[in-house]
Amino acid sequence: MIAPYRVHKLIQDLMRDPPRAAAFAEDPEPIFEAFGLTEPEKALLRQATPAALHELGVHPNLQMKYARLRTKPAAAPPAGGGPMAAYLDRLLEV
């Protein structure tokens, strides 16, 4: 079975919109509703296992992207650049 266009579009749109992707990681239900997914599609996407996504027909590249979307984004890097920036500053001192 090939996943309907709306499933592929959901994944691709979320990859392009980090704030919406963060909201999706917290609660995917409103996004599922916005894309008009059927209950079987929602159930398979909620499982988010490779087998469920394969059964839905999601392309393997999009399966990996979907797995990343289901997790909360990592914390932002330190504002000051962190230890690497300090190390590089010391190296470049004349």
PDB file of N, CA and C in Angstrom:
ATOM      1  N   MET A   1       0.844  -1.185   0.000  1.00  0.00           N
ATOM      2  CA  MET A   1       0.000   0.000   0.000  1.00  0.00           C
ATOM      3  C   MET A   1       0.884   1.242   0.000  1.00  0.00           C
ATOM      4  N   ILE A   2       0.572   2.204  -0.826  1.00  0.00           N
ATOM      5  CA  ILE A   2       1.321   3.455  -0.861  1.00  0.00           C
ATOM      6  C   ILE A   2       0.578   4.465   0.006  1.00  0.00           C
ATOM      7  N   ALA A   3       1.340   5.112   0.881  1.00  0.00           N
ATOM      8  CA  ALA A   3       0.718   6.083   1.777  1.00  0.00           C
ATOM      9  C   ALA A   3       0.083   7.207   0.967  1.00  0.00           C
ATOM     10  N   PRO A   4      -1.067   7.648   1.391  1.00  0.00           N
ATOM     11  CA  PRO A   4      -1.703   8.759   0.702  1.00  0.00           C
ATOM     12  C   PRO A   4      -0.810  10.001   0.740  1.00  0.00           C
ATOM     13  N   TYR A   5      -1.023  10.836  -0.232  1.00  0.00           N
ATOM     14  CA  TYR A   5      -0.230  12.062  -0.328  1.00  0.00           C
ATOM     15  C   TYR A   5      -0.282  12.861   0.963  1.00  0.00           C
ATOM     16  N   ARG A   6      -1.419  12.886   1.643  1.00  0.00           N
ATOM     17  CA  ARG A   6      -1.542  13.715   2.848  1.00  0.00           C
ATOM     18  C   ARG A   6      -0.604  13.249   3.954  1.00  0.00           C
ATOM     19  N   VAL A   7      -0.291  11.953   4.024  1.00  0.00           N
ATOM     20  CA  VAL A   7       0.654  11.462   5.039  1.00  0.00           C
ATOM     21  C   VAL A   7       2.063  11.946   4.702  1.00  0.00           C
ATOM     22  N   HIS A   8       2.434  11.817   3.431  1.00  0.00           N
ATOM     23  CA  HIS A   8       3.758  12.304   3.029  1.00  0.00           C
ATOM     24  C   HIS A   8       3.848  13.810   3.221  1.00  0.00           C
ATOM     25  N   LYS A   9       2.793  14.523   2.868  1.00  0.00           N
ATOM     26  CA  LYS A   9       2.786  15.986   3.017  1.00  0.00           C
ATOM     27  C   LYS A   9       2.903  16.379   4.482  1.00  0.00           C
ATOM     28  N   LEU A  10       2.230  15.659   5.367  1.00  0.00           N
ATOM     29  CA  LEU A  10       2.320  15.946   6.798  1.00  0.00           C
ATOM     30  C   LEU A  10       3.776  15.888   7.253  1.00  0.00           C
ATOM     31  N   ILE A  11       4.472  14.827   6.907  1.00  0.00           N
ATOM     32  CA  ILE A  11       5.864  14.654   7.342  1.00  0.00           C
ATOM     33  C   ILE A  11       6.747  15.742   6.736  1.00  0.00           C
ATOM     34  N   GLN A  12       6.602  15.992   5.448  1.00  0.00           N
ATOM     35  CA  GLN A  12       7.435  16.993   4.789  1.00  0.00           C
ATOM     36  C   GLN A  12       7.155  18.397   5.326  1.00  0.00           C
ATOM     37  N   ASP A  13       5.894  18.729   5.551  1.00  0.00           N
ATOM     38  CA  ASP A  13       5.566  20.051   6.082  1.00  0.00           C
ATOM     39  C   ASP A  13       6.137  20.245   7.486  1.00  0.00           C
ATOM     40  N   LEU A  14       6.059  19.214   8.311  1.00  0.00           N
ATOM     41  CA  LEU A  14       6.601  19.329   9.667  1.00  0.00           C
ATOM     42  C   LEU A  14       8.122  19.481   9.657  1.00  0.00           C
ATOM     43  N   MET A  15       8.788  18.837   8.704  1.00  0.00           N
ATOM     44  CA  MET A  15      10.240  18.972   8.618  1.00  0.00           C
ATOM     45  C   MET A  15      10.642  20.408   8.261  1.00  0.00           C
ATOM     46  N   ARG A  16       9.768  21.111   7.581  1.00  0.00           N
ATOM     47  CA  ARG A  16      10.059  22.492   7.156  1.00  0.00           C
ATOM     48  C   ARG A  16       9.619  23.538   8.177  1.00  0.00           C
ATOM     49  N   ASP A  17       8.890  23.127   9.208  1.00  0.00           N
ATOM     50  CA  ASP A  17       8.317  24.073  10.162  1.00  0.00           C
ATOM     51  C   ASP A  17       8.653  23.640  11.596  1.00  0.00           C
ATOM     52  N   PRO A  18       9.849  24.015  12.099  1.00  0.00           N
ATOM     53  CA  PRO A  18      10.267  23.559  13.442  1.00  0.00           C
ATOM     54  C   PRO A  18       9.291  23.878  14.569  1.00  0.00           C
ATOM     55  N   PRO A  19       8.676  25.077  14.627  1.00  0.00           N
ATOM     56  CA  PRO A  19       7.722  25.305  15.726  1.00  0.00           C
ATOM     57  C   PRO A  19       6.532  24.341  15.681  1.00  0.00           C
ATOM     58  N   ARG A  20       6.037  24.099  14.489  1.00  0.00           N
ATOM     59  CA  ARG A  20       4.919  23.162  14.361  1.00  0.00           C
ATOM     60  C   ARG A  20       5.369  21.739  14.687  1.00  0.00           C
ATOM     61  N   ALA A  21       6.602  21.394  14.313  1.00  0.00           N
ATOM     62  CA  ALA A  21       7.145  20.071  14.631  1.00  0.00           C
ATOM     63  C   ALA A  21       7.268  19.894  16.141  1.00  0.00           C
ATOM     64  N   ALA A  22       7.663  20.963  16.838  1.00  0.00           N
ATOM     65  CA  ALA A  22       7.762  20.886  18.304  1.00  0.00           C
ATOM     66  C   ALA A  22       6.379  20.669  18.914  1.00  0.00           C
ATOM     67  N   ALA A  23       5.375  21.358  18.375  1.00  0.00           N
ATOM     68  CA  ALA A  23       4.004  21.156  18.857  1.00  0.00           C
ATOM     69  C   ALA A  23       3.536  19.742  18.556  1.00  0.00           C
ATOM     70  N   PHE A  24       3.937  19.210  17.404  1.00  0.00           N
ATOM     71  CA  PHE A  24       3.576  17.846  17.027  1.00  0.00           C
ATOM     72  C   PHE A  24       4.191  16.838  17.995  1.00  0.00           C
ATOM     73  N   ALA A  25       5.429  17.065  18.420  1.00  0.00           N
ATOM     74  CA  ALA A  25       6.086  16.155  19.363  1.00  0.00           C
ATOM     75  C   ALA A  25       5.341  16.127  20.697  1.00  0.00           C
ATOM     76  N   GLU A  26       4.762  17.266  21.066  1.00  0.00           N
ATOM     77  CA  GLU A  26       4.003  17.339  22.315  1.00  0.00           C
ATOM     78  C   GLU A  26       2.637  16.651  22.189  1.00  0.00           C
ATOM     79  N   ASP A  27       1.923  16.962  21.099  1.00  0.00           N
ATOM     80  CA  ASP A  27       0.569  16.414  20.893  1.00  0.00           C
ATOM     81  C   ASP A  27       0.284  16.344  19.399  1.00  0.00           C
ATOM     82  N   PRO A  28       0.365  15.159  18.791  1.00  0.00           N
ATOM     83  CA  PRO A  28       0.174  15.059  17.338  1.00  0.00           C
ATOM     84  C   PRO A  28      -1.285  15.130  16.882  1.00  0.00           C
ATOM     85  N   GLU A  29      -2.232  14.974  17.789  1.00  0.00           N
ATOM     86  CA  GLU A  29      -3.640  14.871  17.390  1.00  0.00           C
ATOM     87  C   GLU A  29      -4.156  16.077  16.592  1.00  0.00           C
ATOM     88  N   PRO A  30      -3.892  17.321  17.008  1.00  0.00           N
ATOM     89  CA  PRO A  30      -4.396  18.445  16.206  1.00  0.00           C
ATOM     90  C   PRO A  30      -3.833  18.455  14.779  1.00  0.00           C
ATOM     91  N   ILE A  31      -2.594  18.049  14.626  1.00  0.00           N
ATOM     92  CA  ILE A  31      -1.972  18.015  13.295  1.00  0.00           C
ATOM     93  C   ILE A  31      -2.613  16.893  12.473  1.00  0.00           C
ATOM     94  N   PHE A  32      -2.853  15.747  13.097  1.00  0.00           N
ATOM     95  CA  PHE A  32      -3.524  14.657  12.395  1.00  0.00           C
ATOM     96  C   PHE A  32      -4.881  15.134  11.862  1.00  0.00           C
ATOM     97  N   GLU A  33      -5.617  15.861  12.700  1.00  0.00           N
ATOM     98  CA  GLU A  33      -6.931  16.362  12.296  1.00  0.00           C
ATOM     99  C   GLU A  33      -6.801  17.376  11.157  1.00  0.00           C
ATOM    100  N   ALA A  34      -5.809  18.258  11.251  1.00  0.00           N
ATOM    101  CA  ALA A  34      -5.628  19.293  10.228  1.00  0.00           C
ATOM    102  C   ALA A  34      -5.347  18.686   8.848  1.00  0.00           C
ATOM    103  N   PHE A  35      -4.692  17.526   8.823  1.00  0.00           N
ATOM    104  CA  PHE A  35      -4.363  16.889   7.556  1.00  0.00           C
ATOM    105  C   PHE A  35      -5.447  15.897   7.105  1.00  0.00           C
ATOM    106  N   GLY A  36      -6.513  15.776   7.878  1.00  0.00           N
ATOM    107  CA  GLY A  36      -7.638  14.932   7.476  1.00  0.00           C
ATOM    108  C   GLY A  36      -7.314  13.455   7.380  1.00  0.00           C
ATOM    109  N   LEU A  37      -6.517  12.963   8.310  1.00  0.00           N
ATOM    110  CA  LEU A  37      -6.138  11.550   8.290  1.00  0.00           C
ATOM    111  C   LEU A  37      -7.290  10.679   8.773  1.00  0.00           C
ATOM    112  N   THR A  38      -7.370   9.482   8.232  1.00  0.00           N
ATOM    113  CA  THR A  38      -8.382   8.522   8.663  1.00  0.00           C
ATOM    114  C   THR A  38      -7.936   7.879   9.975  1.00  0.00           C
ATOM    115  N   GLU A  39      -8.871   7.247  10.659  1.00  0.00           N
ATOM    116  CA  GLU A  39      -8.527   6.591  11.933  1.00  0.00           C
ATOM    117  C   GLU A  39      -7.457   5.503  11.760  1.00  0.00           C
ATOM    118  N   PRO A  40      -7.526   4.653  10.720  1.00  0.00           N
ATOM    119  CA  PRO A  40      -6.449   3.665  10.547  1.00  0.00           C
ATOM    120  C   PRO A  40      -5.082   4.325  10.319  1.00  0.00           C
ATOM    121  N   GLU A  41      -5.064   5.421   9.560  1.00  0.00           N
ATOM    122  CA  GLU A  41      -3.795   6.132   9.346  1.00  0.00           C
ATOM    123  C   GLU A  41      -3.264   6.706  10.652  1.00  0.00           C
ATOM    124  N   LYS A  42      -4.153   7.313  11.434  1.00  0.00           N
ATOM    125  CA  LYS A  42      -3.749   7.870  12.725  1.00  0.00           C
ATOM    126  C   LYS A  42      -3.195   6.781  13.639  1.00  0.00           C
ATOM    127  N   ALA A  43      -3.868   5.633  13.669  1.00  0.00           N
ATOM    128  CA  ALA A  43      -3.424   4.537  14.542  1.00  0.00           C
ATOM    129  C   ALA A  43      -2.028   4.071  14.159  1.00  0.00           C
ATOM    130  N   LEU A  44      -1.771   3.934  12.872  1.00  0.00           N
ATOM    131  CA  LEU A  44      -0.444   3.494  12.426  1.00  0.00           C
ATOM    132  C   LEU A  44       0.609   4.564  12.713  1.00  0.00           C
ATOM    133  N   LEU A  45       0.266   5.829  12.525  1.00  0.00           N
ATOM    134  CA  LEU A  45       1.221   6.897  12.808  1.00  0.00           C
ATOM    135  C   LEU A  45       1.482   7.037  14.301  1.00  0.00           C
ATOM    136  N   ARG A  46       0.469   6.763  15.128  1.00  0.00           N
ATOM    137  CA  ARG A  46       0.677   6.797  16.585  1.00  0.00           C
ATOM    138  C   ARG A  46       1.659   5.710  17.018  1.00  0.00           C
ATOM    139  N   GLN A  47       1.566   4.529  16.377  1.00  0.00           N
ATOM    140  CA  GLN A  47       2.490   3.442  16.717  1.00  0.00           C
ATOM    141  C   GLN A  47       3.917   3.858  16.389  1.00  0.00           C
ATOM    142  N   ALA A  48       4.094   4.461  15.225  1.00  0.00           N
ATOM    143  CA  ALA A  48       5.386   4.996  14.776  1.00  0.00           C
ATOM    144  C   ALA A  48       6.497   3.951  14.721  1.00  0.00           C
ATOM    145  N   THR A  49       6.144   2.684  14.632  1.00  0.00           N
ATOM    146  CA  THR A  49       7.156   1.647  14.479  1.00  0.00           C
ATOM    147  C   THR A  49       7.480   1.511  12.993  1.00  0.00           C
ATOM    148  N   PRO A  50       8.673   1.029  12.672  1.00  0.00           N
ATOM    149  CA  PRO A  50       8.985   0.815  11.257  1.00  0.00           C
ATOM    150  C   PRO A  50       7.967  -0.082  10.562  1.00  0.00           C
ATOM    151  N   ALA A  51       7.485  -1.114  11.264  1.00  0.00           N
ATOM    152  CA  ALA A  51       6.500  -2.019  10.661  1.00  0.00           C
ATOM    153  C   ALA A  51       5.185  -1.294  10.378  1.00  0.00           C
ATOM    154  N   ALA A  52       4.741  -0.452  11.304  1.00  0.00           N
ATOM    155  CA  ALA A  52       3.491   0.287  11.107  1.00  0.00           C
ATOM    156  C   ALA A  52       3.626   1.272   9.953  1.00  0.00           C
ATOM    157  N   LEU A  53       4.751   1.963   9.901  1.00  0.00           N
ATOM    158  CA  LEU A  53       4.959   2.927   8.826  1.00  0.00           C
ATOM    159  C   LEU A  53       5.094   2.213   7.477  1.00  0.00           C
ATOM    160  N   HIS A  54       5.720   1.044   7.498  1.00  0.00           N
ATOM    161  CA  HIS A  54       5.844   0.258   6.269  1.00  0.00           C
ATOM    162  C   HIS A  54       4.458  -0.208   5.808  1.00  0.00           C
ATOM    163  N   GLU A  55       3.648  -0.640   6.763  1.00  0.00           N
ATOM    164  CA  GLU A  55       2.294  -1.075   6.425  1.00  0.00           C
ATOM    165  C   GLU A  55       1.492   0.074   5.822  1.00  0.00           C
ATOM    166  N   LEU A  56       1.739   1.271   6.306  1.00  0.00           N
ATOM    167  CA  LEU A  56       1.059   2.447   5.783  1.00  0.00           C
ATOM    168  C   LEU A  56       1.598   2.836   4.409  1.00  0.00           C
ATOM    169  N   GLY A  57       2.819   2.393   4.106  1.00  0.00           N
ATOM    170  CA  GLY A  57       3.402   2.681   2.802  1.00  0.00           C
ATOM    171  C   GLY A  57       4.291   3.906   2.786  1.00  0.00           C
ATOM    172  N   VAL A  58       4.735   4.341   3.960  1.00  0.00           N
ATOM    173  CA  VAL A  58       5.600   5.514   4.041  1.00  0.00           C
ATOM    174  C   VAL A  58       6.988   5.142   3.539  1.00  0.00           C
ATOM    175  N   HIS A  59       7.536   5.981   2.682  1.00  0.00           N
ATOM    176  CA  HIS A  59       8.864   5.753   2.117  1.00  0.00           C
ATOM    177  C   HIS A  59       9.899   5.686   3.243  1.00  0.00           C
ATOM    178  N   PRO A  60      10.933   4.817   3.127  1.00  0.00           N
ATOM    179  CA  PRO A  60      11.929   4.686   4.196  1.00  0.00           C
ATOM    180  C   PRO A  60      12.589   6.002   4.608  1.00  0.00           C
ATOM    181  N   ASN A  61      12.866   6.894   3.661  1.00  0.00           N
ATOM    182  CA  ASN A  61      13.463   8.182   4.035  1.00  0.00           C
ATOM    183  C   ASN A  61      12.509   8.991   4.904  1.00  0.00           C
ATOM    184  N   LEU A  62      11.238   8.940   4.577  1.00  0.00           N
ATOM    185  CA  LEU A  62      10.265   9.663   5.382  1.00  0.00           C
ATOM    186  C   LEU A  62      10.028   8.972   6.721  1.00  0.00           C
ATOM    187  N   GLN A  63      10.231   7.665   6.771  1.00  0.00           N
ATOM    188  CA  GLN A  63      10.120   6.962   8.062  1.00  0.00           C
ATOM    189  C   GLN A  63      11.154   7.499   9.043  1.00  0.00           C
ATOM    190  N   MET A  64      12.380   7.704   8.574  1.00  0.00           N
ATOM    191  CA  MET A  64      13.436   8.229   9.446  1.00  0.00           C
ATOM    192  C   MET A  64      13.097   9.650   9.894  1.00  0.00           C
ATOM    193  N   LYS A  65      12.597  10.450   8.970  1.00  0.00           N
ATOM    194  CA  LYS A  65      12.228  11.821   9.321  1.00  0.00           C
ATOM    195  C   LYS A  65      11.087  11.825  10.325  1.00  0.00           C
ATOM    196  N   TYR A  66      10.119  10.942  10.138  1.00  0.00           N
ATOM    197  CA  TYR A  66       8.995  10.872  11.066  1.00  0.00           C
ATOM    198  C   TYR A  66       9.466  10.467  12.463  1.00  0.00           C
ATOM    199  N   ALA A  67      10.413   9.555  12.532  1.00  0.00           N
ATOM    200  CA  ALA A  67      10.947   9.144  13.837  1.00  0.00           C
ATOM    201  C   ALA A  67      11.581  10.341  14.547  1.00  0.00           C
ATOM    202  N   ARG A  68      12.277  11.191  13.803  1.00  0.00           N
ATOM    203  CA  ARG A  68      12.880  12.382  14.412  1.00  0.00           C
ATOM    204  C   ARG A  68      11.804  13.365  14.862  1.00  0.00           C
ATOM    205  N   LEU A  69      10.713  13.466  14.120  1.00  0.00           N
ATOM    206  CA  LEU A  69       9.642  14.390  14.481  1.00  0.00           C
ATOM    207  C   LEU A  69       8.929  13.970  15.760  1.00  0.00           C
ATOM    208  N   ARG A  70       8.876  12.683  16.025  1.00  0.00           N
ATOM    209  CA  ARG A  70       8.165  12.181  17.200  1.00  0.00           C
ATOM    210  C   ARG A  70       8.898  12.471  18.500  1.00  0.00           C
ATOM    211  N   THR A  71      10.177  12.806  18.417  1.00  0.00           N
ATOM    212  CA  THR A  71      10.944  13.100  19.626  1.00  0.00           C
ATOM    213  C   THR A  71      11.000  14.601  19.836  1.00  0.00           C
ATOM    214  N   LYS A  72      11.128  14.986  21.073  1.00  0.00           N
ATOM    215  CA  LYS A  72      11.237  16.410  21.381  1.00  0.00           C
ATOM    216  C   LYS A  72      12.586  16.913  20.895  1.00  0.00           C
ATOM    217  N   PRO A  73      12.632  18.149  20.370  1.00  0.00           N
ATOM    218  CA  PRO A  73      13.902  18.683  19.884  1.00  0.00           C
ATOM    219  C   PRO A  73      14.907  18.833  21.017  1.00  0.00           C
ATOM    220  N   ALA A  74      16.166  18.700  20.652  1.00  0.00           N
ATOM    221  CA  ALA A  74      17.245  18.847  21.633  1.00  0.00           C
ATOM    222  C   ALA A  74      17.324  20.295  22.094  1.00  0.00           C
ATOM    223  N   ALA A  75      17.905  20.473  23.248  1.00  0.00           N
ATOM    224  CA  ALA A  75      18.082  21.823  23.775  1.00  0.00           C
ATOM    225  C   ALA A  75      19.012  22.613  22.856  1.00  0.00           C
ATOM    226  N   ALA A  76      18.804  23.908  22.827  1.00  0.00           N
ATOM    227  CA  ALA A  76      19.632  24.772  21.986  1.00  0.00           C
ATOM    228  C   ALA A  76      21.067  24.783  22.507  1.00  0.00           C
ATOM    229  N   PRO A  77      22.046  24.975  21.629  1.00  0.00           N
ATOM    230  CA  PRO A  77      23.431  25.043  22.085  1.00  0.00           C
ATOM    231  C   PRO A  77      23.652  26.272  22.960  1.00  0.00           C
ATOM    232  N   PRO A  78      24.703  26.281  23.762  1.00  0.00           N
ATOM    233  CA  PRO A  78      24.957  27.418  24.636  1.00  0.00           C
ATOM    234  C   PRO A  78      25.093  28.714  23.827  1.00  0.00           C
ATOM    235  N   ALA A  79      24.602  29.813  24.397  1.00  0.00           N
ATOM    236  CA  ALA A  79      24.610  31.097  23.692  1.00  0.00           C
ATOM    237  C   ALA A  79      26.026  31.603  23.439  1.00  0.00           C
ATOM    238  N   GLY A  80      26.942  31.313  24.315  1.00  0.00           N
ATOM    239  CA  GLY A  80      28.305  31.831  24.174  1.00  0.00           C
ATOM    240  C   GLY A  80      29.178  30.998  23.243  1.00  0.00           C
ATOM    241  N   GLY A  81      28.647  29.980  22.613  1.00  0.00           N
ATOM    242  CA  GLY A  81      29.438  29.156  21.714  1.00  0.00           C
ATOM    243  C   GLY A  81      30.005  27.919  22.371  1.00  0.00           C
ATOM    244  N   GLY A  82      30.023  27.876  23.671  1.00  0.00           N
ATOM    245  CA  GLY A  82      30.485  26.691  24.370  1.00  0.00           C
ATOM    246  C   GLY A  82      31.995  26.554  24.419  1.00  0.00           C
ATOM    247  N   PRO A  83      32.483  25.411  24.891  1.00  0.00           N
ATOM    248  CA  PRO A  83      33.917  25.213  25.081  1.00  0.00           C
ATOM    249  C   PRO A  83      34.704  25.236  23.763  1.00  0.00           C
ATOM    250  N   MET A  84      34.111  24.784  22.675  1.00  0.00           N
ATOM    251  CA  MET A  84      34.834  24.777  21.414  1.00  0.00           C
ATOM    252  C   MET A  84      35.144  26.199  20.955  1.00  0.00           C
ATOM    253  N   ALA A  85      34.208  27.113  21.127  1.00  0.00           N
ATOM    254  CA  ALA A  85      34.436  28.501  20.731  1.00  0.00           C
ATOM    255  C   ALA A  85      35.556  29.111  21.569  1.00  0.00           C
ATOM    256  N   ALA A  86      35.568  28.830  22.870  1.00  0.00           N
ATOM    257  CA  ALA A  86      36.628  29.349  23.730  1.00  0.00           C
ATOM    258  C   ALA A  86      37.980  28.775  23.309  1.00  0.00           C
ATOM    259  N   TYR A  87      38.026  27.511  22.989  1.00  0.00           N
ATOM    260  CA  TYR A  87      39.264  26.869  22.539  1.00  0.00           C
ATOM    261  C   TYR A  87      39.767  27.508  21.247  1.00  0.00           C
ATOM    262  N   LEU A  88      38.869  27.719  20.296  1.00  0.00           N
ATOM    263  CA  LEU A  88      39.268  28.345  19.032  1.00  0.00           C
ATOM    264  C   LEU A  88      39.725  29.776  19.238  1.00  0.00           C
ATOM    265  N   ASP A  89      39.100  30.502  20.159  1.00  0.00           N
ATOM    266  CA  ASP A  89      39.545  31.865  20.463  1.00  0.00           C
ATOM    267  C   ASP A  89      40.975  31.860  20.986  1.00  0.00           C
ATOM    268  N   ARG A  90      41.299  30.914  21.865  1.00  0.00           N
ATOM    269  CA  ARG A  90      42.665  30.824  22.406  1.00  0.00           C
ATOM    270  C   ARG A  90      43.662  30.478  21.304  1.00  0.00           C
ATOM    271  N   LEU A  91      43.287  29.626  20.384  1.00  0.00           N
ATOM    272  CA  LEU A  91      44.185  29.261  19.298  1.00  0.00           C
ATOM    273  C   LEU A  91      44.484  30.430  18.366  1.00  0.00           C
ATOM    274  N   LEU A  92      43.496  31.287  18.184  1.00  0.00           N
ATOM    275  CA  LEU A  92      43.643  32.389  17.238  1.00  0.00           C
ATOM    276  C   LEU A  92      44.255  33.645  17.843  1.00  0.00           C
ATOM    277  N   GLU A  93      44.493  33.629  19.165  1.00  0.00           N
ATOM    278  CA  GLU A  93      45.113  34.788  19.798  1.00  0.00           C
ATOM    279  C   GLU A  93      46.531  34.970  19.277  1.00  0.00           C
ATOM    280  N   VAL A  94      46.883  36.210  19.039  1.00  0.00           N
ATOM    281  CA  VAL A  94      48.227  36.494  18.521  1.00  0.00           C
ATOM    282  C   VAL A  94      49.067  37.139  19.586  1.00  0.00           C
TER     283      VAL A  94
END
